[in-house]
Amino acid sequence: GGVFKRVLREGAGVFPEKGALCVVHQVGTCGAVEFENTRGPEGFPLEFNVGGGQVHVGVEMAVSSMRAGELAQFVVDPLFAFREVGLPQKVPRDAVVEYELELLSFQNPLTEAQKLEAAQVFRNEGNQLFSKQDFAGARGKYEE
């Protein structure tokens, strides 16, 4: 069991890391029943952080294997989906589910060096505003 993948359209670049903010379209089915569709007329892309527990493990595993722009189909074992709980009226307990996922974009978390570099930029901008006596603007930069 696990998560099985079939690529429909290749993506490009690196893979999302733990903590990455991902934006995806997903269509989830169980047999002939569609239980989720972010592409529908009322739908909008799903945003979540990898490892944040906002989606079940199977979707996190699937998205972690994708590159930006990729479209793929996944078959997800119940252990990595809805398990023994299911999804009332849509997914029975212990059911295999299928997803079509499109990774629209993602942003990996900043490294420590990138965080320090960004903090230095904000500090310098704050100092410049302070020297011009724009205290409110400087305060905003220091708070960033």
N, C-alpha and C. Protein backbone atom coordinates (compact mmCIF):
# COMPACT_ATOMS: atom_id res chain seq x y z
N GLY A 1 0.81 -1.20 0.00
CA GLY A 1 0.00 0.00 0.00
C GLY A 1 0.85 1.25 0.00
N GLY A 2 0.20 2.37 -0.09
CA GLY A 2 0.89 3.64 -0.05
C GLY A 2 0.24 4.65 -0.95
N VAL A 3 1.07 5.38 -1.66
CA VAL A 3 0.62 6.42 -2.58
C VAL A 3 1.28 6.13 -3.93
N PHE A 4 0.47 5.93 -4.96
CA PHE A 4 0.97 5.59 -6.29
C PHE A 4 0.67 6.73 -7.25
N LYS A 5 1.64 7.04 -8.11
CA LYS A 5 1.58 8.24 -8.94
C LYS A 5 1.69 7.92 -10.42
N ARG A 6 0.92 8.70 -11.21
CA ARG A 6 1.04 8.69 -12.67
C ARG A 6 1.08 10.14 -13.13
N VAL A 7 2.18 10.54 -13.74
CA VAL A 7 2.35 11.93 -14.19
C VAL A 7 1.56 12.14 -15.48
N LEU A 8 0.74 13.17 -15.50
CA LEU A 8 -0.02 13.55 -16.69
C LEU A 8 0.66 14.69 -17.44
N ARG A 9 1.32 15.58 -16.70
CA ARG A 9 2.07 16.69 -17.29
C ARG A 9 3.25 16.98 -16.37
N GLU A 10 4.42 17.02 -16.94
CA GLU A 10 5.64 17.29 -16.16
C GLU A 10 5.65 18.71 -15.62
N GLY A 11 6.24 18.89 -14.46
CA GLY A 11 6.48 20.20 -13.90
C GLY A 11 7.94 20.56 -14.07
N ALA A 12 8.37 21.63 -13.41
CA ALA A 12 9.76 22.07 -13.53
C ALA A 12 10.26 22.57 -12.18
N GLY A 13 11.56 22.48 -12.00
CA GLY A 13 12.19 23.02 -10.80
C GLY A 13 12.37 22.00 -9.70
N VAL A 14 12.45 22.50 -8.49
CA VAL A 14 12.71 21.68 -7.31
C VAL A 14 11.39 21.18 -6.71
N PHE A 15 11.51 20.31 -5.71
CA PHE A 15 10.35 19.77 -5.00
C PHE A 15 10.04 20.61 -3.77
N PRO A 16 8.79 20.65 -3.34
CA PRO A 16 8.45 21.33 -2.08
C PRO A 16 9.12 20.63 -0.90
N GLU A 17 9.57 21.42 0.05
CA GLU A 17 10.19 20.90 1.28
C GLU A 17 9.18 20.97 2.41
N LYS A 18 9.52 20.34 3.52
CA LYS A 18 8.66 20.43 4.70
C LYS A 18 8.52 21.91 5.07
N GLY A 19 7.27 22.34 5.30
CA GLY A 19 7.00 23.72 5.63
C GLY A 19 6.64 24.59 4.43
N ALA A 20 6.82 24.05 3.21
CA ALA A 20 6.51 24.83 2.00
C ALA A 20 5.03 25.16 1.95
N LEU A 21 4.72 26.38 1.53
CA LEU A 21 3.34 26.79 1.29
C LEU A 21 3.01 26.39 -0.14
N CYS A 22 2.07 25.44 -0.30
CA CYS A 22 1.71 24.90 -1.60
C CYS A 22 0.32 25.37 -2.01
N VAL A 23 0.15 25.63 -3.30
CA VAL A 23 -1.13 26.00 -3.87
C VAL A 23 -1.45 24.94 -4.92
N VAL A 24 -2.56 24.21 -4.72
CA VAL A 24 -2.90 23.09 -5.60
C VAL A 24 -4.37 23.12 -5.99
N HIS A 25 -4.63 22.54 -7.15
CA HIS A 25 -5.99 22.16 -7.51
C HIS A 25 -6.07 20.67 -7.24
N GLN A 26 -7.19 20.23 -6.67
CA GLN A 26 -7.35 18.80 -6.45
C GLN A 26 -8.77 18.37 -6.74
N VAL A 27 -8.86 17.20 -7.34
CA VAL A 27 -10.13 16.53 -7.56
C VAL A 27 -9.98 15.17 -6.91
N GLY A 28 -10.81 14.91 -5.90
CA GLY A 28 -10.75 13.65 -5.17
C GLY A 28 -11.96 12.79 -5.48
N THR A 29 -11.72 11.50 -5.76
CA THR A 29 -12.81 10.58 -6.04
C THR A 29 -12.62 9.28 -5.28
N CYS A 30 -13.75 8.64 -5.03
CA CYS A 30 -13.77 7.30 -4.46
C CYS A 30 -14.78 6.53 -5.30
N GLY A 31 -14.26 5.66 -6.16
CA GLY A 31 -15.14 5.01 -7.13
C GLY A 31 -15.71 6.07 -8.05
N ALA A 32 -17.05 6.09 -8.18
CA ALA A 32 -17.71 7.07 -9.06
C ALA A 32 -18.09 8.34 -8.31
N VAL A 33 -17.78 8.43 -7.02
CA VAL A 33 -18.19 9.57 -6.20
C VAL A 33 -17.05 10.59 -6.10
N GLU A 34 -17.35 11.82 -6.51
CA GLU A 34 -16.40 12.92 -6.36
C GLU A 34 -16.63 13.56 -5.00
N PHE A 35 -15.62 13.54 -4.14
CA PHE A 35 -15.79 14.12 -2.80
C PHE A 35 -15.14 15.47 -2.64
N GLU A 36 -14.33 15.88 -3.61
CA GLU A 36 -13.74 17.21 -3.55
C GLU A 36 -13.33 17.62 -4.95
N ASN A 37 -13.56 18.92 -5.27
CA ASN A 37 -13.16 19.43 -6.57
C ASN A 37 -12.91 20.93 -6.45
N THR A 38 -11.64 21.31 -6.43
CA THR A 38 -11.32 22.74 -6.33
C THR A 38 -11.38 23.42 -7.69
N ARG A 39 -11.62 22.66 -8.73
CA ARG A 39 -11.73 23.22 -10.07
C ARG A 39 -13.17 23.56 -10.43
N GLY A 40 -14.12 23.12 -9.65
CA GLY A 40 -15.52 23.33 -9.96
C GLY A 40 -15.88 24.80 -10.05
N PRO A 41 -17.13 25.10 -10.45
CA PRO A 41 -17.55 26.49 -10.62
C PRO A 41 -17.39 27.33 -9.35
N GLU A 42 -17.55 26.73 -8.21
CA GLU A 42 -17.42 27.44 -6.94
C GLU A 42 -16.05 27.20 -6.29
N GLY A 43 -15.21 26.45 -6.97
CA GLY A 43 -13.94 26.05 -6.37
C GLY A 43 -12.86 27.10 -6.46
N PHE A 44 -11.86 26.92 -5.64
CA PHE A 44 -10.67 27.77 -5.68
C PHE A 44 -9.52 26.92 -5.18
N PRO A 45 -8.29 27.24 -5.58
CA PRO A 45 -7.14 26.40 -5.20
C PRO A 45 -7.01 26.25 -3.68
N LEU A 46 -6.52 25.10 -3.30
CA LEU A 46 -6.27 24.78 -1.90
C LEU A 46 -4.85 25.22 -1.55
N GLU A 47 -4.70 25.86 -0.39
CA GLU A 47 -3.37 26.25 0.10
C GLU A 47 -3.10 25.54 1.40
N PHE A 48 -1.91 24.97 1.54
CA PHE A 48 -1.53 24.32 2.79
C PHE A 48 -0.01 24.25 2.88
N ASN A 49 0.47 24.06 4.11
CA ASN A 49 1.90 23.89 4.35
C ASN A 49 2.21 22.40 4.47
N VAL A 50 3.22 21.95 3.73
CA VAL A 50 3.65 20.56 3.82
C VAL A 50 4.09 20.27 5.25
N GLY A 51 3.51 19.24 5.84
CA GLY A 51 3.84 18.87 7.21
C GLY A 51 3.01 19.59 8.25
N GLY A 52 2.09 20.44 7.80
CA GLY A 52 1.28 21.24 8.73
C GLY A 52 0.03 20.54 9.22
N GLY A 53 -0.30 19.37 8.68
CA GLY A 53 -1.47 18.63 9.14
C GLY A 53 -2.79 19.20 8.64
N GLN A 54 -2.76 20.08 7.65
CA GLN A 54 -4.00 20.67 7.14
C GLN A 54 -4.71 19.76 6.14
N VAL A 55 -3.98 18.83 5.53
CA VAL A 55 -4.54 17.82 4.64
C VAL A 55 -4.03 16.46 5.10
N HIS A 56 -4.66 15.39 4.62
CA HIS A 56 -4.19 14.09 5.10
C HIS A 56 -2.83 13.75 4.49
N VAL A 57 -2.18 12.79 5.11
CA VAL A 57 -0.79 12.44 4.79
C VAL A 57 -0.62 12.07 3.32
N GLY A 58 -1.59 11.39 2.74
CA GLY A 58 -1.48 10.98 1.34
C GLY A 58 -1.34 12.17 0.40
N VAL A 59 -2.09 13.24 0.65
CA VAL A 59 -1.97 14.44 -0.19
C VAL A 59 -0.63 15.10 0.05
N GLU A 60 -0.17 15.16 1.28
CA GLU A 60 1.15 15.74 1.56
C GLU A 60 2.25 14.96 0.85
N MET A 61 2.18 13.62 0.93
CA MET A 61 3.18 12.78 0.26
C MET A 61 3.14 13.01 -1.25
N ALA A 62 1.93 13.08 -1.79
CA ALA A 62 1.77 13.26 -3.23
C ALA A 62 2.37 14.60 -3.68
N VAL A 63 1.97 15.67 -3.02
CA VAL A 63 2.44 17.00 -3.41
C VAL A 63 3.95 17.13 -3.21
N SER A 64 4.49 16.48 -2.20
CA SER A 64 5.94 16.53 -1.97
C SER A 64 6.73 15.88 -3.10
N SER A 65 6.06 15.06 -3.91
CA SER A 65 6.74 14.39 -5.03
C SER A 65 6.59 15.14 -6.34
N MET A 66 5.97 16.32 -6.29
CA MET A 66 5.66 17.06 -7.50
C MET A 66 6.54 18.30 -7.66
N ARG A 67 6.60 18.78 -8.89
CA ARG A 67 7.29 20.03 -9.20
C ARG A 67 6.23 21.04 -9.65
N ALA A 68 6.53 22.32 -9.54
CA ALA A 68 5.57 23.36 -9.92
C ALA A 68 5.10 23.16 -11.36
N GLY A 69 3.78 23.25 -11.55
CA GLY A 69 3.19 23.07 -12.87
C GLY A 69 2.82 21.64 -13.19
N GLU A 70 3.24 20.70 -12.37
CA GLU A 70 2.96 19.29 -12.63
C GLU A 70 1.50 18.95 -12.38
N LEU A 71 0.98 18.06 -13.21
CA LEU A 71 -0.36 17.50 -13.07
C LEU A 71 -0.20 16.00 -12.99
N ALA A 72 -0.78 15.38 -11.97
CA ALA A 72 -0.61 13.93 -11.79
C ALA A 72 -1.83 13.32 -11.15
N GLN A 73 -1.99 12.02 -11.38
CA GLN A 73 -3.03 11.23 -10.72
C GLN A 73 -2.37 10.38 -9.65
N PHE A 74 -3.08 10.24 -8.52
CA PHE A 74 -2.57 9.46 -7.41
C PHE A 74 -3.65 8.49 -6.92
N VAL A 75 -3.21 7.30 -6.58
CA VAL A 75 -4.06 6.34 -5.89
C VAL A 75 -3.52 6.26 -4.47
N VAL A 76 -4.40 6.50 -3.49
CA VAL A 76 -3.96 6.62 -2.10
C VAL A 76 -4.61 5.54 -1.26
N ASP A 77 -3.76 4.76 -0.61
CA ASP A 77 -4.20 3.69 0.30
C ASP A 77 -4.94 4.31 1.48
N PRO A 78 -5.94 3.61 2.04
CA PRO A 78 -6.71 4.15 3.17
C PRO A 78 -5.84 4.60 4.35
N LEU A 79 -4.73 3.93 4.58
CA LEU A 79 -3.85 4.28 5.69
C LEU A 79 -3.35 5.72 5.57
N PHE A 80 -3.25 6.23 4.34
CA PHE A 80 -2.74 7.57 4.09
C PHE A 80 -3.85 8.54 3.68
N ALA A 81 -5.11 8.10 3.82
CA ALA A 81 -6.24 8.94 3.43
C ALA A 81 -7.21 9.05 4.62
N PHE A 82 -8.39 8.50 4.47
CA PHE A 82 -9.43 8.69 5.49
C PHE A 82 -9.50 7.55 6.50
N ARG A 83 -8.64 6.54 6.33
CA ARG A 83 -8.52 5.42 7.27
C ARG A 83 -9.86 4.78 7.58
N GLU A 84 -10.06 4.42 8.85
CA GLU A 84 -11.30 3.75 9.26
C GLU A 84 -12.46 4.71 9.47
N VAL A 85 -12.19 6.00 9.38
CA VAL A 85 -13.23 6.99 9.60
C VAL A 85 -14.06 7.22 8.34
N GLY A 86 -13.40 7.30 7.19
CA GLY A 86 -14.10 7.61 5.96
C GLY A 86 -14.51 9.07 5.91
N LEU A 87 -15.40 9.36 5.00
CA LEU A 87 -15.95 10.71 4.84
C LEU A 87 -17.45 10.50 4.66
N PRO A 88 -18.24 10.84 5.66
CA PRO A 88 -19.67 10.52 5.63
C PRO A 88 -20.34 10.85 4.30
N GLN A 89 -21.11 9.90 3.81
CA GLN A 89 -21.89 10.01 2.57
C GLN A 89 -21.04 10.01 1.30
N LYS A 90 -19.72 9.99 1.43
CA LYS A 90 -18.90 10.09 0.21
C LYS A 90 -17.82 9.02 0.12
N VAL A 91 -17.08 8.81 1.22
CA VAL A 91 -15.99 7.84 1.20
C VAL A 91 -16.21 6.85 2.33
N PRO A 92 -16.41 5.56 1.98
CA PRO A 92 -16.59 4.57 3.04
C PRO A 92 -15.31 4.36 3.85
N ARG A 93 -15.44 3.81 5.03
CA ARG A 93 -14.26 3.53 5.84
C ARG A 93 -13.32 2.58 5.12
N ASP A 94 -12.04 2.74 5.35
CA ASP A 94 -10.99 1.90 4.77
C ASP A 94 -11.03 1.84 3.25
N ALA A 95 -11.36 2.95 2.59
CA ALA A 95 -11.46 2.98 1.13
C ALA A 95 -10.22 3.57 0.48
N VAL A 96 -9.86 3.04 -0.66
CA VAL A 96 -8.82 3.62 -1.50
C VAL A 96 -9.44 4.83 -2.21
N VAL A 97 -8.72 5.93 -2.25
CA VAL A 97 -9.21 7.12 -2.93
C VAL A 97 -8.23 7.51 -4.04
N GLU A 98 -8.73 8.28 -4.99
CA GLU A 98 -7.90 8.76 -6.08
C GLU A 98 -7.95 10.28 -6.12
N TYR A 99 -6.82 10.86 -6.48
CA TYR A 99 -6.73 12.31 -6.62
C TYR A 99 -6.11 12.66 -7.96
N GLU A 100 -6.59 13.74 -8.53
CA GLU A 100 -5.87 14.39 -9.61
C GLU A 100 -5.41 15.70 -8.99
N LEU A 101 -4.11 15.88 -8.93
CA LEU A 101 -3.52 17.05 -8.29
C LEU A 101 -2.70 17.84 -9.30
N GLU A 102 -2.83 19.17 -9.21
CA GLU A 102 -2.00 20.06 -10.01
C GLU A 102 -1.32 21.02 -9.04
N LEU A 103 -0.01 20.97 -8.99
CA LEU A 103 0.76 21.87 -8.13
C LEU A 103 0.94 23.19 -8.88
N LEU A 104 0.12 24.16 -8.54
CA LEU A 104 0.15 25.45 -9.23
C LEU A 104 1.40 26.23 -8.88
N SER A 105 1.75 26.25 -7.59
CA SER A 105 2.94 26.96 -7.15
C SER A 105 3.26 26.54 -5.72
N PHE A 106 4.45 26.89 -5.27
CA PHE A 106 4.81 26.67 -3.87
C PHE A 106 5.98 27.58 -3.53
N GLN A 107 6.12 27.81 -2.23
CA GLN A 107 7.26 28.58 -1.75
C GLN A 107 7.88 27.83 -0.59
N ASN A 108 9.12 27.38 -0.78
CA ASN A 108 9.82 26.70 0.30
C ASN A 108 10.15 27.70 1.40
N PRO A 109 10.24 27.20 2.64
CA PRO A 109 10.58 28.12 3.74
C PRO A 109 11.98 28.69 3.56
N LEU A 110 12.18 29.87 4.13
CA LEU A 110 13.50 30.51 4.06
C LEU A 110 14.51 29.75 4.91
N THR A 111 15.76 29.71 4.43
CA THR A 111 16.84 29.15 5.24
C THR A 111 17.20 30.17 6.32
N GLU A 112 17.97 29.78 7.29
CA GLU A 112 18.41 30.70 8.35
C GLU A 112 19.20 31.86 7.75
N ALA A 113 20.06 31.56 6.78
CA ALA A 113 20.85 32.62 6.14
C ALA A 113 19.94 33.62 5.42
N GLN A 114 18.90 33.12 4.74
CA GLN A 114 17.96 34.01 4.04
C GLN A 114 17.18 34.87 5.03
N LYS A 115 16.81 34.28 6.18
CA LYS A 115 16.09 35.05 7.20
C LYS A 115 16.97 36.17 7.74
N LEU A 116 18.23 35.88 8.00
CA LEU A 116 19.16 36.89 8.50
C LEU A 116 19.38 38.00 7.47
N GLU A 117 19.49 37.61 6.21
CA GLU A 117 19.68 38.59 5.14
C GLU A 117 18.45 39.51 5.03
N ALA A 118 17.27 38.93 5.10
CA ALA A 118 16.04 39.73 5.02
C ALA A 118 15.93 40.67 6.22
N ALA A 119 16.29 40.18 7.41
CA ALA A 119 16.24 41.01 8.62
C ALA A 119 17.18 42.20 8.49
N GLN A 120 18.35 41.98 7.91
CA GLN A 120 19.32 43.06 7.71
C GLN A 120 18.76 44.12 6.76
N VAL A 121 18.09 43.68 5.70
CA VAL A 121 17.49 44.61 4.74
C VAL A 121 16.43 45.47 5.44
N PHE A 122 15.54 44.82 6.22
CA PHE A 122 14.49 45.57 6.92
C PHE A 122 15.11 46.56 7.92
N ARG A 123 16.17 46.13 8.60
CA ARG A 123 16.82 47.02 9.57
C ARG A 123 17.41 48.24 8.88
N ASN A 124 18.09 48.01 7.76
CA ASN A 124 18.69 49.13 7.01
C ASN A 124 17.62 50.09 6.50
N GLU A 125 16.51 49.53 5.99
CA GLU A 125 15.41 50.39 5.51
C GLU A 125 14.81 51.17 6.68
N GLY A 126 14.67 50.52 7.83
CA GLY A 126 14.15 51.19 9.02
C GLY A 126 15.07 52.31 9.47
N ASN A 127 16.37 52.06 9.44
CA ASN A 127 17.34 53.08 9.83
C ASN A 127 17.28 54.30 8.91
N GLN A 128 17.12 54.06 7.60
CA GLN A 128 17.01 55.16 6.65
C GLN A 128 15.76 55.99 6.92
N LEU A 129 14.64 55.33 7.17
CA LEU A 129 13.39 56.04 7.46
C LEU A 129 13.51 56.83 8.77
N PHE A 130 14.17 56.23 9.77
CA PHE A 130 14.35 56.89 11.06
C PHE A 130 15.18 58.16 10.90
N SER A 131 16.24 58.07 10.08
CA SER A 131 17.10 59.25 9.90
C SER A 131 16.35 60.38 9.17
N LYS A 132 15.31 60.04 8.43
CA LYS A 132 14.47 61.04 7.76
C LYS A 132 13.31 61.46 8.64
N GLN A 133 13.34 61.00 9.89
CA GLN A 133 12.33 61.27 10.90
C GLN A 133 10.94 60.74 10.53
N ASP A 134 10.92 59.68 9.70
CA ASP A 134 9.67 58.97 9.40
C ASP A 134 9.58 57.83 10.42
N PHE A 135 9.17 58.18 11.63
CA PHE A 135 9.19 57.22 12.74
C PHE A 135 8.18 56.10 12.56
N ALA A 136 7.01 56.42 12.02
CA ALA A 136 6.00 55.39 11.80
C ALA A 136 6.49 54.39 10.76
N GLY A 137 7.07 54.88 9.68
CA GLY A 137 7.60 54.00 8.64
C GLY A 137 8.74 53.14 9.16
N ALA A 138 9.61 53.76 9.96
CA ALA A 138 10.73 53.01 10.53
C ALA A 138 10.22 51.90 11.45
N ARG A 139 9.24 52.24 12.27
CA ARG A 139 8.67 51.25 13.18
C ARG A 139 8.11 50.06 12.40
N GLY A 140 7.42 50.35 11.27
CA GLY A 140 6.88 49.28 10.44
C GLY A 140 7.96 48.36 9.92
N LYS A 141 9.09 48.92 9.49
CA LYS A 141 10.19 48.10 8.99
C LYS A 141 10.80 47.25 10.10
N TYR A 142 10.96 47.85 11.30
CA TYR A 142 11.55 47.10 12.39
C TYR A 142 10.64 45.95 12.81
N GLU A 143 9.32 46.15 12.70
CA GLU A 143 8.37 45.11 13.09
C GLU A 143 8.33 43.97 12.07
N GLU A 144 8.64 44.26 10.81
CA GLU A 144 8.64 43.21 9.78
C GLU A 144 9.68 42.19 10.11
